[in-house]
Amino acid sequence: MAAETEDATVLDARDIGAGLGERATLVQFSSAFCQPCRATRRVLEEVSGMVGGVAHVEIDAEAHLDLVRRLNIMRTPTVLVLDARGTVVRRASGQPRKADVIAAIGAAVS
């Protein structure tokens, strides 16, 4: 999961509609007819289940256009990796590989 940009944006529970993970949060922007979004969901759910303190939150991009515009989300799926404070530490578009997600979490919790 290569970072497109590193970003000083901070998100909280109000922004993403769910609580932050104790160690990290995987925020996935999806759309209804996006086939790679389904595969991304499976990967992120699997990784968050393997790594303690990591939450996965999926956001419907079409239903949250203000947030999509604010974060400059250009396509789905887009995944943001947040550290425990909610700071965006990694951002990537497209379907991620499990190993890349695990590496991105490592960067978020170090």
C-alpha atoms as a PDB file:
ATOM      1  CA  MET A   1       0.000   0.000   0.000  1.00  0.00           C
ATOM      2  CA  ALA A   2       2.194   2.771  -1.270  1.00  0.00           C
ATOM      3  CA  ALA A   3       1.391   6.210   0.002  1.00  0.00           C
ATOM      4  CA  GLU A   4       0.106   8.606  -2.633  1.00  0.00           C
ATOM      5  CA  THR A   5       0.662  11.506  -0.283  1.00  0.00           C
ATOM      6  CA  GLU A   6       1.462  11.926   3.334  1.00  0.00           C
ATOM      7  CA  ASP A   7      -0.924  14.340   4.850  1.00  0.00           C
ATOM      8  CA  ALA A   8      -1.308  16.221   8.149  1.00  0.00           C
ATOM      9  CA  THR A   9      -5.091  15.795   8.123  1.00  0.00           C
ATOM     10  CA  VAL A  10      -6.655  14.659  11.404  1.00  0.00           C
ATOM     11  CA  LEU A  11     -10.025  12.894  11.470  1.00  0.00           C
ATOM     12  CA  ASP A  12     -12.166  12.011  14.464  1.00  0.00           C
ATOM     13  CA  ALA A  13     -15.183   9.827  15.193  1.00  0.00           C
ATOM     14  CA  ARG A  14     -17.590  12.542  13.991  1.00  0.00           C
ATOM     15  CA  ASP A  15     -15.807  12.702  10.625  1.00  0.00           C
ATOM     16  CA  ILE A  16     -15.831   8.951   9.968  1.00  0.00           C
ATOM     17  CA  GLY A  17     -19.046   8.028  11.772  1.00  0.00           C
ATOM     18  CA  ALA A  18     -17.356   5.485  14.056  1.00  0.00           C
ATOM     19  CA  GLY A  19     -14.821   5.300  16.832  1.00  0.00           C
ATOM     20  CA  LEU A  20     -11.121   5.275  16.096  1.00  0.00           C
ATOM     21  CA  GLY A  21      -9.127   2.109  16.653  1.00  0.00           C
ATOM     22  CA  GLU A  22      -6.963   1.977  19.761  1.00  0.00           C
ATOM     23  CA  ARG A  23      -3.792   1.684  17.644  1.00  0.00           C
ATOM     24  CA  ALA A  24      -4.869   2.547  14.080  1.00  0.00           C
ATOM     25  CA  THR A  25      -7.916   2.942  11.845  1.00  0.00           C
ATOM     26  CA  LEU A  26      -8.344   1.855   8.227  1.00  0.00           C
ATOM     27  CA  VAL A  27     -10.834   4.215   6.568  1.00  0.00           C
ATOM     28  CA  GLN A  28     -12.144   2.928   3.238  1.00  0.00           C
ATOM     29  CA  PHE A  29     -14.063   5.131   0.819  1.00  0.00           C
ATOM     30  CA  SER A  30     -16.283   2.984  -1.406  1.00  0.00           C
ATOM     31  CA  SER A  31     -19.129   3.277  -3.861  1.00  0.00           C
ATOM     32  CA  ALA A  32     -22.040   0.942  -4.495  1.00  0.00           C
ATOM     33  CA  PHE A  33     -21.026  -0.553  -7.837  1.00  0.00           C
ATOM     34  CA  CYS A  34     -17.266  -0.661  -7.241  1.00  0.00           C
ATOM     35  CA  GLN A  35     -16.014  -4.245  -7.620  1.00  0.00           C
ATOM     36  CA  PRO A  36     -12.513  -3.516  -6.215  1.00  0.00           C
ATOM     37  CA  CYS A  37     -14.228  -1.973  -3.166  1.00  0.00           C
ATOM     38  CA  ARG A  38     -15.658  -5.373  -2.221  1.00  0.00           C
ATOM     39  CA  ALA A  39     -12.246  -7.033  -2.430  1.00  0.00           C
ATOM     40  CA  THR A  40     -10.701  -4.157  -0.481  1.00  0.00           C
ATOM     41  CA  ARG A  41     -13.334  -4.568   2.233  1.00  0.00           C
ATOM     42  CA  ARG A  42     -12.410  -8.249   2.612  1.00  0.00           C
ATOM     43  CA  VAL A  43      -8.684  -7.460   2.867  1.00  0.00           C
ATOM     44  CA  LEU A  44      -9.161  -4.653   5.390  1.00  0.00           C
ATOM     45  CA  GLU A  45     -11.592  -6.679   7.523  1.00  0.00           C
ATOM     46  CA  GLU A  46      -9.152  -9.588   7.550  1.00  0.00           C
ATOM     47  CA  VAL A  47      -6.198  -7.406   8.543  1.00  0.00           C
ATOM     48  CA  SER A  48      -8.136  -5.508  11.210  1.00  0.00           C
ATOM     49  CA  GLY A  49      -9.212  -8.868  12.653  1.00  0.00           C
ATOM     50  CA  MET A  50      -5.585 -10.051  12.767  1.00  0.00           C
ATOM     51  CA  VAL A  51      -4.046  -6.955  14.338  1.00  0.00           C
ATOM     52  CA  GLY A  52      -5.295  -5.935  17.770  1.00  0.00           C
ATOM     53  CA  GLY A  53      -6.446  -2.355  18.249  1.00  0.00           C
ATOM     54  CA  VAL A  54      -7.023  -1.735  14.531  1.00  0.00           C
ATOM     55  CA  ALA A  55     -10.488  -0.704  13.348  1.00  0.00           C
ATOM     56  CA  HIS A  56     -11.885  -0.787   9.797  1.00  0.00           C
ATOM     57  CA  VAL A  57     -14.469   1.820   8.815  1.00  0.00           C
ATOM     58  CA  GLU A  58     -16.100   1.845   5.385  1.00  0.00           C
ATOM     59  CA  ILE A  59     -17.618   5.098   4.155  1.00  0.00           C
ATOM     60  CA  ASP A  60     -20.025   5.386   1.216  1.00  0.00           C
ATOM     61  CA  ALA A  61     -18.384   8.121  -0.842  1.00  0.00           C
ATOM     62  CA  GLU A  62     -21.620   9.103  -2.564  1.00  0.00           C
ATOM     63  CA  ALA A  63     -23.398   9.646   0.765  1.00  0.00           C
ATOM     64  CA  HIS A  64     -20.541  11.725   2.240  1.00  0.00           C
ATOM     65  CA  LEU A  65     -19.637  14.123  -0.564  1.00  0.00           C
ATOM     66  CA  ASP A  66     -18.555  16.929   1.793  1.00  0.00           C
ATOM     67  CA  LEU A  67     -15.951  14.653   3.394  1.00  0.00           C
ATOM     68  CA  VAL A  68     -14.899  13.273  -0.008  1.00  0.00           C
ATOM     69  CA  ARG A  69     -14.321  16.815  -1.282  1.00  0.00           C
ATOM     70  CA  ARG A  70     -12.549  17.900   1.905  1.00  0.00           C
ATOM     71  CA  LEU A  71     -10.145  14.946   1.673  1.00  0.00           C
ATOM     72  CA  ASN A  72      -9.780  15.181  -2.117  1.00  0.00           C
ATOM     73  CA  ILE A  73     -10.925  11.580  -2.682  1.00  0.00           C
ATOM     74  CA  MET A  74     -10.807  11.144  -6.460  1.00  0.00           C
ATOM     75  CA  ARG A  75     -11.711   7.439  -6.879  1.00  0.00           C
ATOM     76  CA  THR A  76     -12.899   4.386  -5.026  1.00  0.00           C
ATOM     77  CA  PRO A  77     -11.605   2.505  -3.282  1.00  0.00           C
ATOM     78  CA  THR A  78      -9.379   4.954  -1.462  1.00  0.00           C
ATOM     79  CA  VAL A  79      -7.958   3.876   1.891  1.00  0.00           C
ATOM     80  CA  LEU A  80      -6.664   6.216   4.578  1.00  0.00           C
ATOM     81  CA  VAL A  81      -4.575   4.801   7.415  1.00  0.00           C
ATOM     82  CA  LEU A  82      -4.985   6.794  10.609  1.00  0.00           C
ATOM     83  CA  ASP A  83      -2.790   6.560  13.673  1.00  0.00           C
ATOM     84  CA  ALA A  84      -4.285   6.364  17.180  1.00  0.00           C
ATOM     85  CA  ARG A  85      -4.813  10.164  17.239  1.00  0.00           C
ATOM     86  CA  GLY A  86      -6.636  10.140  13.893  1.00  0.00           C
ATOM     87  CA  THR A  87      -3.793  11.629  11.848  1.00  0.00           C
ATOM     88  CA  VAL A  88      -3.691  10.407   8.246  1.00  0.00           C
ATOM     89  CA  VAL A  89      -0.319   8.661   7.903  1.00  0.00           C
ATOM     90  CA  ARG A  90      -0.898   6.803   4.615  1.00  0.00           C
ATOM     91  CA  ARG A  91      -3.288   7.169   1.693  1.00  0.00           C
ATOM     92  CA  ALA A  92      -3.710   4.915  -1.324  1.00  0.00           C
ATOM     93  CA  SER A  93      -6.205   4.356  -4.135  1.00  0.00           C
ATOM     94  CA  GLY A  94      -7.064   1.044  -5.699  1.00  0.00           C
ATOM     95  CA  GLN A  95      -7.229  -2.439  -4.270  1.00  0.00           C
ATOM     96  CA  PRO A  96      -4.432  -2.970  -1.717  1.00  0.00           C
ATOM     97  CA  ARG A  97      -2.463  -6.136  -1.068  1.00  0.00           C
ATOM     98  CA  LYS A  98      -2.692  -7.537   2.458  1.00  0.00           C
ATOM     99  CA  ALA A  99       1.070  -7.255   3.010  1.00  0.00           C
ATOM    100  CA  ASP A 100       0.986  -3.568   2.044  1.00  0.00           C
ATOM    101  CA  VAL A 101      -1.856  -2.867   4.476  1.00  0.00           C
ATOM    102  CA  ILE A 102       0.040  -4.576   7.282  1.00  0.00           C
ATOM    103  CA  ALA A 103       3.139  -2.500   6.460  1.00  0.00           C
ATOM    104  CA  ALA A 104       1.058   0.701   6.474  1.00  0.00           C
ATOM    105  CA  ILE A 105      -0.338  -0.195   9.896  1.00  0.00           C
ATOM    106  CA  GLY A 106       3.232  -0.717  11.094  1.00  0.00           C
ATOM    107  CA  ALA A 107       4.027   2.849  10.017  1.00  0.00           C
ATOM    108  CA  ALA A 108       0.936   4.148  11.821  1.00  0.00           C
ATOM    109  CA  VAL A 109       1.722   2.516  15.157  1.00  0.00           C
ATOM    110  CA  SER A 110       5.463   3.206  15.277  1.00  0.00           C
END
